[in-house]
Amino acid sequence: MKLINTIFITLSITVLLSACSADKYAYIDTPVANQIADLQDDDQDGVVNARDFCPGTPSGAQVDNDGCGATMRTEDKRQLRILFANDSYEINPVFSDQIRSMAEFLKAYQSASIEIQGYASKVGETDYNLALSKKRAVAVEKKLISYGITPKRVRIVGYGETRLEASGDDPASHAVNRKVTATVVGLTENVVEEWTIFSIKEK
């Protein structure tokens, strides 16, 4: 009886292996997706390249359906304040970081503009001080332009000694009056959250 069972099992295995070897399938290559749209987001603003009308938005900026900022003008309180030596319009390197930071802000917000105001102490002739205050403003303007800011976005004004911060006649008062300040108008951006990443607008 054991011999019969052994023969039966052997025959069953042989039949099964024969069936498996005869039942072969053709190899199918892994299919490649045909992507018809650019779904990348190079500026990482949440709007894919295929529908982004404003590429290069600042990192972290809130944007609308087209990848552009829905803007509202507000005054930015970043004050640029640079002090100068007596009878000089050379920018001390200690103020370089201030100017670089201002340039980065202006690059991030292309609609922003800046007014640079130059001042002088009341030491010396009034007309000379007026010209000196303008030279100080121009020096800062040139530094901003060297960082890639276009001249049309910068306005300079020289006030000379007409708007003194300190009215004293001591060295400390004269020092704070030899300066350049700047006022910036920046942008805040509100988000509109109604869009689909798979929809495309013709550019």
Protein backbone atom coordinates (compact mmCIF):
# COMPACT_ATOMS: atom_id res chain seq x y z
CA MET A 1 0.00 0.00 0.00
CA LYS A 2 2.85 2.34 0.83
CA LEU A 3 4.39 1.61 -2.56
CA ILE A 4 1.17 2.54 -4.33
CA ASN A 5 0.93 5.85 -2.42
CA THR A 6 4.53 6.69 -3.23
CA ILE A 7 3.98 6.00 -6.93
CA PHE A 8 0.81 8.15 -6.92
CA ILE A 9 2.55 11.11 -5.25
CA THR A 10 5.49 10.85 -7.65
CA LEU A 11 3.19 10.83 -10.67
CA SER A 12 1.21 13.82 -9.30
CA ILE A 13 4.34 15.90 -8.82
CA THR A 14 5.58 15.01 -12.30
CA VAL A 15 2.27 16.02 -13.91
CA LEU A 16 2.20 19.28 -11.94
CA LEU A 17 5.75 20.24 -12.91
CA SER A 18 5.02 19.44 -16.55
CA ALA A 19 1.94 21.65 -16.49
CA CYS A 20 3.86 24.55 -14.92
CA SER A 21 6.69 24.30 -17.42
CA ALA A 22 4.23 24.29 -20.30
CA ASP A 23 2.32 27.32 -18.97
CA LYS A 24 4.80 30.11 -19.79
CA TYR A 25 4.06 33.85 -19.96
CA ALA A 26 5.75 36.48 -22.16
CA TYR A 27 7.79 39.08 -20.21
CA ILE A 28 6.14 42.51 -20.16
CA ASP A 29 8.31 45.63 -19.75
CA THR A 30 7.39 48.08 -17.01
CA PRO A 31 5.15 50.70 -18.66
CA VAL A 32 6.47 54.28 -18.85
CA ALA A 33 4.04 57.04 -17.91
CA ASN A 34 3.41 59.62 -20.62
CA GLN A 35 3.38 62.82 -18.57
CA ILE A 36 1.69 65.49 -20.68
CA ALA A 37 2.10 68.36 -18.22
CA ASP A 38 4.91 69.82 -16.14
CA LEU A 39 3.88 69.11 -12.56
CA GLN A 40 7.11 70.37 -11.04
CA ASP A 41 7.13 73.44 -8.79
CA ASP A 42 10.53 75.11 -9.18
CA ASP A 43 9.86 78.06 -6.88
CA GLN A 44 8.05 75.82 -4.36
CA ASP A 45 5.10 78.16 -3.92
CA GLY A 46 2.49 75.41 -4.20
CA VAL A 47 1.60 76.18 -7.84
CA VAL A 48 3.05 73.86 -10.50
CA ASN A 49 5.17 75.28 -13.34
CA ALA A 50 2.49 74.51 -15.93
CA ARG A 51 0.14 77.09 -14.41
CA ASP A 52 2.56 79.43 -12.61
CA PHE A 53 2.30 82.91 -14.15
CA CYS A 54 4.75 84.39 -11.63
CA PRO A 55 7.75 82.06 -11.33
CA GLY A 56 10.35 82.99 -8.76
CA THR A 57 8.04 84.17 -5.97
CA PRO A 58 9.86 84.72 -2.64
CA SER A 59 10.23 81.67 -0.41
CA GLY A 60 7.32 81.46 2.00
CA ALA A 61 5.23 84.07 0.18
CA GLN A 62 1.49 83.48 -0.02
CA VAL A 63 0.19 83.36 -3.59
CA ASP A 64 -3.04 83.24 -5.58
CA ASN A 65 -4.26 80.59 -8.07
CA ASP A 66 -1.73 81.69 -10.70
CA GLY A 67 1.28 81.68 -8.38
CA CYS A 68 1.20 85.47 -8.05
CA GLY A 69 0.81 87.52 -4.91
CA ALA A 70 -2.54 89.19 -4.31
CA THR A 71 -0.82 92.30 -3.02
CA MET A 72 -1.76 95.02 -0.59
CA ARG A 73 0.62 97.93 -0.03
CA THR A 74 1.83 98.57 3.50
CA GLU A 75 4.70 100.63 4.83
CA ASP A 76 7.61 98.51 5.90
CA LYS A 77 9.35 99.85 8.98
CA ARG A 78 12.83 98.49 8.17
CA GLN A 79 14.92 101.56 8.70
CA LEU A 80 18.20 101.83 6.91
CA ARG A 81 20.46 104.00 9.03
CA ILE A 82 24.07 104.67 8.09
CA LEU A 83 26.43 107.08 9.84
CA PHE A 84 29.34 108.89 8.20
CA ALA A 85 32.59 110.44 9.31
CA ASN A 86 32.95 114.22 9.27
CA ASP A 87 33.15 115.68 5.75
CA SER A 88 32.92 112.19 4.20
CA TYR A 89 30.51 110.21 2.04
CA GLU A 90 32.44 106.94 2.21
CA ILE A 91 30.36 104.08 3.62
CA ASN A 92 31.91 102.36 6.60
CA PRO A 93 32.04 98.55 6.02
CA VAL A 94 30.23 98.03 9.32
CA PHE A 95 27.01 99.12 7.54
CA SER A 96 27.40 96.69 4.60
CA ASP A 97 25.07 94.09 6.09
CA GLN A 98 22.28 96.67 6.43
CA ILE A 99 22.52 97.61 2.77
CA ARG A 100 22.74 93.98 1.64
CA SER A 101 19.67 93.11 3.70
CA MET A 102 17.78 96.01 2.14
CA ALA A 103 18.79 94.85 -1.34
CA GLU A 104 17.51 91.33 -0.58
CA PHE A 105 14.19 92.78 0.56
CA LEU A 106 13.85 94.81 -2.64
CA LYS A 107 14.68 91.77 -4.76
CA ALA A 108 12.03 89.72 -2.98
CA TYR A 109 9.35 92.39 -3.45
CA GLN A 110 9.73 93.75 -6.95
CA SER A 111 6.97 96.34 -6.54
CA ALA A 112 8.64 97.91 -3.52
CA SER A 113 10.48 101.21 -3.80
CA ILE A 114 12.92 103.03 -1.56
CA GLU A 115 13.70 106.66 -0.81
CA ILE A 116 17.19 107.39 0.49
CA GLN A 117 17.58 110.57 2.53
CA GLY A 118 20.99 112.09 3.08
CA TYR A 119 21.79 114.46 5.97
CA ALA A 120 24.70 116.51 7.26
CA SER A 121 25.68 118.12 10.53
CA LYS A 122 25.69 121.91 10.85
CA VAL A 123 29.48 122.09 10.77
CA GLY A 124 30.59 124.05 7.69
CA GLU A 125 28.75 126.00 5.00
CA THR A 126 25.07 125.30 4.34
CA ASP A 127 25.44 124.83 0.56
CA TYR A 128 28.42 122.53 1.04
CA ASN A 129 26.51 120.43 3.56
CA LEU A 130 23.57 120.12 1.17
CA ALA A 131 25.84 118.79 -1.58
CA LEU A 132 27.55 116.46 0.91
CA SER A 133 24.22 115.02 2.07
CA LYS A 134 23.31 114.22 -1.55
CA LYS A 135 26.67 112.53 -2.10
CA ARG A 136 26.01 110.35 0.93
CA ALA A 137 22.61 109.34 -0.45
CA VAL A 138 24.15 108.62 -3.86
CA ALA A 139 26.84 106.45 -2.25
CA VAL A 140 24.16 104.26 -0.65
CA GLU A 141 22.19 104.19 -3.90
CA LYS A 142 25.26 102.94 -5.79
CA LYS A 143 25.78 100.22 -3.23
CA LEU A 144 22.19 99.03 -3.62
CA ILE A 145 22.52 99.06 -7.40
CA SER A 146 25.70 96.96 -7.09
CA TYR A 147 23.51 94.26 -5.53
CA GLY A 148 21.23 94.24 -8.59
CA ILE A 149 18.60 96.82 -7.68
CA THR A 150 17.49 98.91 -10.67
CA PRO A 151 18.00 102.69 -10.36
CA LYS A 152 14.37 103.47 -11.19
CA ARG A 153 13.33 101.89 -7.90
CA VAL A 154 15.54 104.21 -5.86
CA ARG A 155 14.91 107.90 -5.12
CA ILE A 156 17.49 110.06 -3.39
CA VAL A 157 16.99 113.27 -1.43
CA GLY A 158 19.60 115.49 0.21
CA TYR A 159 18.44 117.53 3.20
CA GLY A 160 21.79 118.94 4.24
CA GLU A 161 21.56 120.41 7.73
CA THR A 162 17.87 121.38 7.47
CA ARG A 163 16.51 118.38 9.41
CA LEU A 164 18.83 117.81 12.33
CA GLU A 165 18.20 114.83 14.58
CA ALA A 166 20.16 116.46 17.38
CA SER A 167 20.28 120.23 17.78
CA GLY A 168 23.33 120.38 20.05
CA ASP A 169 26.69 121.78 19.02
CA ASP A 170 28.76 119.00 20.58
CA PRO A 171 30.62 116.15 18.78
CA ALA A 172 27.98 113.56 19.70
CA SER A 173 25.18 115.66 18.16
CA HIS A 174 27.18 116.27 15.00
CA ALA A 175 27.91 112.52 14.70
CA VAL A 176 24.25 111.44 14.71
CA ASN A 177 23.40 114.15 12.14
CA ARG A 178 25.91 112.82 9.60
CA LYS A 179 23.70 110.04 8.31
CA VAL A 180 21.63 108.41 5.60
CA THR A 181 18.24 106.87 6.31
CA ALA A 182 15.80 105.11 4.01
CA THR A 183 12.07 104.47 3.93
CA VAL A 184 10.74 101.37 2.19
CA VAL A 185 7.26 100.57 0.92
CA GLY A 186 6.80 96.79 0.96
CA LEU A 187 4.12 94.26 0.15
CA THR A 188 2.07 91.74 2.09
CA GLU A 189 0.43 88.92 0.15
CA ASN A 190 -2.89 87.13 0.73
CA VAL A 191 -3.53 83.60 -0.48
CA VAL A 192 -6.44 82.34 -2.60
CA GLU A 193 -6.84 78.59 -2.13
CA GLU A 194 -9.07 77.57 -5.05
CA TRP A 195 -7.08 75.74 -7.70
CA THR A 196 -6.34 72.21 -8.91
CA ILE A 197 -2.76 71.13 -9.58
CA PHE A 198 -3.86 69.15 -12.65
CA SER A 199 -5.56 72.05 -14.42
CA ILE A 200 -3.49 74.07 -16.86
CA LYS A 201 -3.93 77.61 -18.12
CA GLU A 202 -2.62 78.69 -21.49
CA LYS A 203 0.15 81.24 -21.10
